[in-house]
Amino acid sequence: MMLNQRQTGFTLVELMVAMAIGTVIILGAGQLFLTTFQTFKKVDELSRKQEAVVFATTVLANDYRKSENKRDYTYILSKTTDNPEECSIRARRNGGSPQPIIGGLAPYKDEGECDTGRFVSLAKGLDGEDLDGFYHFTFDFKRGDGLETLSFHVMERKF
């Protein structure tokens, strides 16, 4: 005669279902981690660009607001030495050797060159004439396969 014994533990099917559910949960958590990590990298990259732009605009605006004869530096755009695919803004004092201010700028899209004339120029009036003491700055940044351009103006303050 057979005695009724209660089953203890899990069946093979129950274990397989639990493993499948656990795998889905772990894959979801891994995907969440990966997405968060990628987002963090993008935010870090953008914050570095923003920090560099704020620094560059502050330095340039402060110096170009002074009268031309009182300016401390002359600014040029030239190829970055460690990466020839990038341009950097360099400051030169009294004809000395140019010191880098900010790097990571993209070469001008049409010529592929670092063009100081495009980087800083006198702003134009409605009639196309140069406006004395009113400067136009243009930065090009690489963004994916294209370029992102930032332009701003600085007015010389005479006092």
C-alpha atoms as a PDB file:
ATOM      1  CA  MET A   1       0.000   0.000   0.000  1.00  0.00           C
ATOM      2  CA  MET A   2       1.209   3.411  -0.955  1.00  0.00           C
ATOM      3  CA  LEU A   3       1.419   6.194   1.545  1.00  0.00           C
ATOM      4  CA  ASN A   4       0.502   9.711   0.514  1.00  0.00           C
ATOM      5  CA  GLN A   5       3.618  11.819   0.724  1.00  0.00           C
ATOM      6  CA  ARG A   6       3.545  15.580   0.398  1.00  0.00           C
ATOM      7  CA  GLN A   7       5.797  17.050  -2.214  1.00  0.00           C
ATOM      8  CA  THR A   8       8.569  19.287  -0.908  1.00  0.00           C
ATOM      9  CA  GLY A   9      10.497  21.744  -3.094  1.00  0.00           C
ATOM     10  CA  PHE A  10       9.767  22.985  -6.599  1.00  0.00           C
ATOM     11  CA  THR A  11       9.057  21.173  -9.788  1.00  0.00           C
ATOM     12  CA  LEU A  12      11.316  21.493 -12.777  1.00  0.00           C
ATOM     13  CA  VAL A  13       8.725  23.611 -14.622  1.00  0.00           C
ATOM     14  CA  GLU A  14       8.426  26.045 -11.707  1.00  0.00           C
ATOM     15  CA  LEU A  15      12.203  26.450 -11.573  1.00  0.00           C
ATOM     16  CA  MET A  16      12.393  27.076 -15.338  1.00  0.00           C
ATOM     17  CA  VAL A  17       9.650  29.734 -15.151  1.00  0.00           C
ATOM     18  CA  ALA A  18      11.400  31.424 -12.203  1.00  0.00           C
ATOM     19  CA  MET A  19      14.702  31.437 -14.101  1.00  0.00           C
ATOM     20  CA  ALA A  20      13.032  32.944 -17.177  1.00  0.00           C
ATOM     21  CA  ILE A  21      11.424  35.705 -15.089  1.00  0.00           C
ATOM     22  CA  GLY A  22      14.740  36.378 -13.308  1.00  0.00           C
ATOM     23  CA  THR A  23      16.568  36.572 -16.643  1.00  0.00           C
ATOM     24  CA  VAL A  24      14.068  39.124 -17.979  1.00  0.00           C
ATOM     25  CA  ILE A  25      14.442  41.230 -14.828  1.00  0.00           C
ATOM     26  CA  ILE A  26      18.255  41.111 -14.993  1.00  0.00           C
ATOM     27  CA  LEU A  27      18.254  42.014 -18.702  1.00  0.00           C
ATOM     28  CA  GLY A  28      15.932  44.954 -17.974  1.00  0.00           C
ATOM     29  CA  ALA A  29      18.196  46.165 -15.169  1.00  0.00           C
ATOM     30  CA  GLY A  30      21.246  45.807 -17.418  1.00  0.00           C
ATOM     31  CA  GLN A  31      19.559  47.794 -20.181  1.00  0.00           C
ATOM     32  CA  LEU A  32      18.610  50.494 -17.677  1.00  0.00           C
ATOM     33  CA  PHE A  33      22.211  50.658 -16.451  1.00  0.00           C
ATOM     34  CA  LEU A  34      23.553  50.871 -20.011  1.00  0.00           C
ATOM     35  CA  THR A  35      21.107  53.641 -20.959  1.00  0.00           C
ATOM     36  CA  THR A  36      21.940  55.583 -17.796  1.00  0.00           C
ATOM     37  CA  PHE A  37      25.671  55.220 -18.473  1.00  0.00           C
ATOM     38  CA  GLN A  38      25.299  56.440 -22.075  1.00  0.00           C
ATOM     39  CA  THR A  39      23.186  59.384 -20.921  1.00  0.00           C
ATOM     40  CA  PHE A  40      25.793  60.272 -18.309  1.00  0.00           C
ATOM     41  CA  LYS A  41      28.539  60.247 -20.968  1.00  0.00           C
ATOM     42  CA  LYS A  42      26.486  62.544 -23.250  1.00  0.00           C
ATOM     43  CA  VAL A  43      25.705  64.946 -20.402  1.00  0.00           C
ATOM     44  CA  ASP A  44      29.383  64.978 -19.404  1.00  0.00           C
ATOM     45  CA  GLU A  45      30.440  65.695 -23.006  1.00  0.00           C
ATOM     46  CA  LEU A  46      27.900  68.504 -23.357  1.00  0.00           C
ATOM     47  CA  SER A  47      28.823  70.031 -20.004  1.00  0.00           C
ATOM     48  CA  ARG A  48      32.505  70.069 -20.996  1.00  0.00           C
ATOM     49  CA  LYS A  49      31.640  71.817 -24.264  1.00  0.00           C
ATOM     50  CA  GLN A  50      29.434  74.284 -22.420  1.00  0.00           C
ATOM     51  CA  GLU A  51      32.163  74.964 -19.873  1.00  0.00           C
ATOM     52  CA  ALA A  52      34.713  75.545 -22.647  1.00  0.00           C
ATOM     53  CA  VAL A  53      32.360  77.872 -24.529  1.00  0.00           C
ATOM     54  CA  VAL A  54      31.555  79.871 -21.400  1.00  0.00           C
ATOM     55  CA  PHE A  55      35.270  80.244 -20.640  1.00  0.00           C
ATOM     56  CA  ALA A  56      36.146  81.217 -24.221  1.00  0.00           C
ATOM     57  CA  THR A  57      33.300  83.715 -24.555  1.00  0.00           C
ATOM     58  CA  THR A  58      34.157  85.287 -21.205  1.00  0.00           C
ATOM     59  CA  VAL A  59      37.847  85.678 -22.092  1.00  0.00           C
ATOM     60  CA  LEU A  60      37.127  86.999 -25.587  1.00  0.00           C
ATOM     61  CA  ALA A  61      34.301  89.321 -24.550  1.00  0.00           C
ATOM     62  CA  ASN A  62      36.297  90.816 -21.685  1.00  0.00           C
ATOM     63  CA  ASP A  63      39.296  91.503 -23.909  1.00  0.00           C
ATOM     64  CA  TYR A  64      37.389  92.722 -26.981  1.00  0.00           C
ATOM     65  CA  ARG A  65      35.285  95.106 -24.907  1.00  0.00           C
ATOM     66  CA  LYS A  66      38.463  97.065 -24.247  1.00  0.00           C
ATOM     67  CA  SER A  67      39.604  99.629 -26.783  1.00  0.00           C
ATOM     68  CA  GLU A  68      41.747  98.133 -29.537  1.00  0.00           C
ATOM     69  CA  ASN A  69      44.891  99.864 -28.311  1.00  0.00           C
ATOM     70  CA  LYS A  70      44.337  98.591 -24.728  1.00  0.00           C
ATOM     71  CA  ARG A  71      43.827  94.920 -25.583  1.00  0.00           C
ATOM     72  CA  ASP A  72      46.091  92.432 -23.843  1.00  0.00           C
ATOM     73  CA  TYR A  73      46.161  89.744 -26.545  1.00  0.00           C
ATOM     74  CA  THR A  74      45.767  88.992 -30.223  1.00  0.00           C
ATOM     75  CA  TYR A  75      43.632  85.897 -30.851  1.00  0.00           C
ATOM     76  CA  ILE A  76      44.114  83.427 -33.692  1.00  0.00           C
ATOM     77  CA  LEU A  77      42.573  80.111 -34.687  1.00  0.00           C
ATOM     78  CA  SER A  78      45.074  77.377 -35.551  1.00  0.00           C
ATOM     79  CA  LYS A  79      45.330  73.592 -35.862  1.00  0.00           C
ATOM     80  CA  THR A  80      45.623  71.721 -32.579  1.00  0.00           C
ATOM     81  CA  THR A  81      49.056  70.104 -32.388  1.00  0.00           C
ATOM     82  CA  ASP A  82      47.959  66.780 -30.910  1.00  0.00           C
ATOM     83  CA  ASN A  83      44.921  66.449 -33.217  1.00  0.00           C
ATOM     84  CA  PRO A  84      45.212  68.020 -36.682  1.00  0.00           C
ATOM     85  CA  GLU A  85      41.462  67.526 -37.229  1.00  0.00           C
ATOM     86  CA  GLU A  86      40.706  70.160 -34.586  1.00  0.00           C
ATOM     87  CA  CYS A  87      41.302  73.882 -34.201  1.00  0.00           C
ATOM     88  CA  SER A  88      42.180  75.784 -31.064  1.00  0.00           C
ATOM     89  CA  ILE A  89      41.944  79.428 -30.079  1.00  0.00           C
ATOM     90  CA  ARG A  90      45.337  80.796 -29.191  1.00  0.00           C
ATOM     91  CA  ALA A  91      46.244  84.081 -27.517  1.00  0.00           C
ATOM     92  CA  ARG A  92      49.419  85.952 -28.385  1.00  0.00           C
ATOM     93  CA  ARG A  93      50.730  88.797 -26.233  1.00  0.00           C
ATOM     94  CA  ASN A  94      52.943  91.431 -27.837  1.00  0.00           C
ATOM     95  CA  GLY A  95      54.012  89.214 -30.743  1.00  0.00           C
ATOM     96  CA  GLY A  96      55.100  86.376 -28.435  1.00  0.00           C
ATOM     97  CA  SER A  97      54.380  82.715 -28.937  1.00  0.00           C
ATOM     98  CA  PRO A  98      50.643  81.856 -29.076  1.00  0.00           C
ATOM     99  CA  GLN A  99      49.269  80.091 -25.993  1.00  0.00           C
ATOM    100  CA  PRO A 100      46.190  77.826 -26.284  1.00  0.00           C
ATOM    101  CA  ILE A 101      42.968  79.079 -24.716  1.00  0.00           C
ATOM    102  CA  ILE A 102      40.469  76.457 -25.871  1.00  0.00           C
ATOM    103  CA  GLY A 103      40.669  73.457 -28.193  1.00  0.00           C
ATOM    104  CA  GLY A 104      38.260  71.003 -29.737  1.00  0.00           C
ATOM    105  CA  LEU A 105      36.788  73.328 -32.334  1.00  0.00           C
ATOM    106  CA  ALA A 106      36.024  71.962 -35.775  1.00  0.00           C
ATOM    107  CA  PRO A 107      37.769  73.331 -38.866  1.00  0.00           C
ATOM    108  CA  TYR A 108      35.614  75.590 -41.011  1.00  0.00           C
ATOM    109  CA  LYS A 109      33.312  73.306 -42.982  1.00  0.00           C
ATOM    110  CA  ASP A 110      33.935  74.630 -46.509  1.00  0.00           C
ATOM    111  CA  GLU A 111      37.723  74.751 -46.526  1.00  0.00           C
ATOM    112  CA  GLY A 112      38.566  72.350 -43.704  1.00  0.00           C
ATOM    113  CA  GLU A 113      40.979  74.970 -42.378  1.00  0.00           C
ATOM    114  CA  CYS A 114      41.211  76.911 -39.155  1.00  0.00           C
ATOM    115  CA  ASP A 115      40.229  80.352 -40.432  1.00  0.00           C
ATOM    116  CA  THR A 116      40.935  83.229 -38.030  1.00  0.00           C
ATOM    117  CA  GLY A 117      39.005  85.550 -40.364  1.00  0.00           C
ATOM    118  CA  ARG A 118      35.868  83.474 -39.839  1.00  0.00           C
ATOM    119  CA  PHE A 119      36.503  83.032 -36.117  1.00  0.00           C
ATOM    120  CA  VAL A 120      36.617  86.792 -35.420  1.00  0.00           C
ATOM    121  CA  SER A 121      35.688  89.609 -37.767  1.00  0.00           C
ATOM    122  CA  LEU A 122      34.153  93.047 -37.696  1.00  0.00           C
ATOM    123  CA  ALA A 123      30.370  92.806 -37.710  1.00  0.00           C
ATOM    124  CA  LYS A 124      28.542  94.120 -40.767  1.00  0.00           C
ATOM    125  CA  GLY A 125      25.805  96.727 -40.759  1.00  0.00           C
ATOM    126  CA  LEU A 126      22.600  96.575 -42.817  1.00  0.00           C
ATOM    127  CA  ASP A 127      24.397  98.288 -45.686  1.00  0.00           C
ATOM    128  CA  GLY A 128      27.192  95.680 -45.614  1.00  0.00           C
ATOM    129  CA  GLU A 129      29.761  98.087 -44.188  1.00  0.00           C
ATOM    130  CA  ASP A 130      32.048  97.052 -41.319  1.00  0.00           C
ATOM    131  CA  LEU A 131      30.916  98.379 -37.951  1.00  0.00           C
ATOM    132  CA  ASP A 132      33.911  99.772 -36.092  1.00  0.00           C
ATOM    133  CA  GLY A 133      34.239  98.291 -32.595  1.00  0.00           C
ATOM    134  CA  PHE A 134      31.505  95.671 -33.130  1.00  0.00           C
ATOM    135  CA  TYR A 135      32.937  92.153 -33.474  1.00  0.00           C
ATOM    136  CA  HIS A 136      31.386  88.906 -34.701  1.00  0.00           C
ATOM    137  CA  PHE A 137      32.699  85.572 -33.333  1.00  0.00           C
ATOM    138  CA  THR A 138      31.947  82.136 -34.805  1.00  0.00           C
ATOM    139  CA  PHE A 139      32.774  78.767 -33.231  1.00  0.00           C
ATOM    140  CA  ASP A 140      32.216  75.485 -35.100  1.00  0.00           C
ATOM    141  CA  PHE A 141      31.837  72.263 -33.105  1.00  0.00           C
ATOM    142  CA  LYS A 142      31.685  68.691 -34.383  1.00  0.00           C
ATOM    143  CA  ARG A 143      28.349  67.074 -33.698  1.00  0.00           C
ATOM    144  CA  GLY A 144      27.881  63.588 -35.070  1.00  0.00           C
ATOM    145  CA  ASP A 145      28.583  63.752 -38.792  1.00  0.00           C
ATOM    146  CA  GLY A 146      27.896  67.488 -39.074  1.00  0.00           C
ATOM    147  CA  LEU A 147      28.877  70.785 -37.513  1.00  0.00           C
ATOM    148  CA  GLU A 148      27.174  72.934 -34.930  1.00  0.00           C
ATOM    149  CA  THR A 149      27.891  76.662 -35.143  1.00  0.00           C
ATOM    150  CA  LEU A 150      27.770  79.172 -32.298  1.00  0.00           C
ATOM    151  CA  SER A 151      27.944  82.873 -33.183  1.00  0.00           C
ATOM    152  CA  PHE A 152      27.892  85.911 -30.928  1.00  0.00           C
ATOM    153  CA  HIS A 153      28.744  89.619 -31.042  1.00  0.00           C
ATOM    154  CA  VAL A 154      30.854  91.779 -28.747  1.00  0.00           C
ATOM    155  CA  MET A 155      30.747  95.576 -28.659  1.00  0.00           C
ATOM    156  CA  GLU A 156      33.865  97.546 -27.789  1.00  0.00           C
ATOM    157  CA  ARG A 157      33.284  99.807 -24.809  1.00  0.00           C
ATOM    158  CA  LYS A 158      35.053 103.119 -24.978  1.00  0.00           C
ATOM    159  CA  PHE A 159      35.403 104.803 -21.620  1.00  0.00           C
END
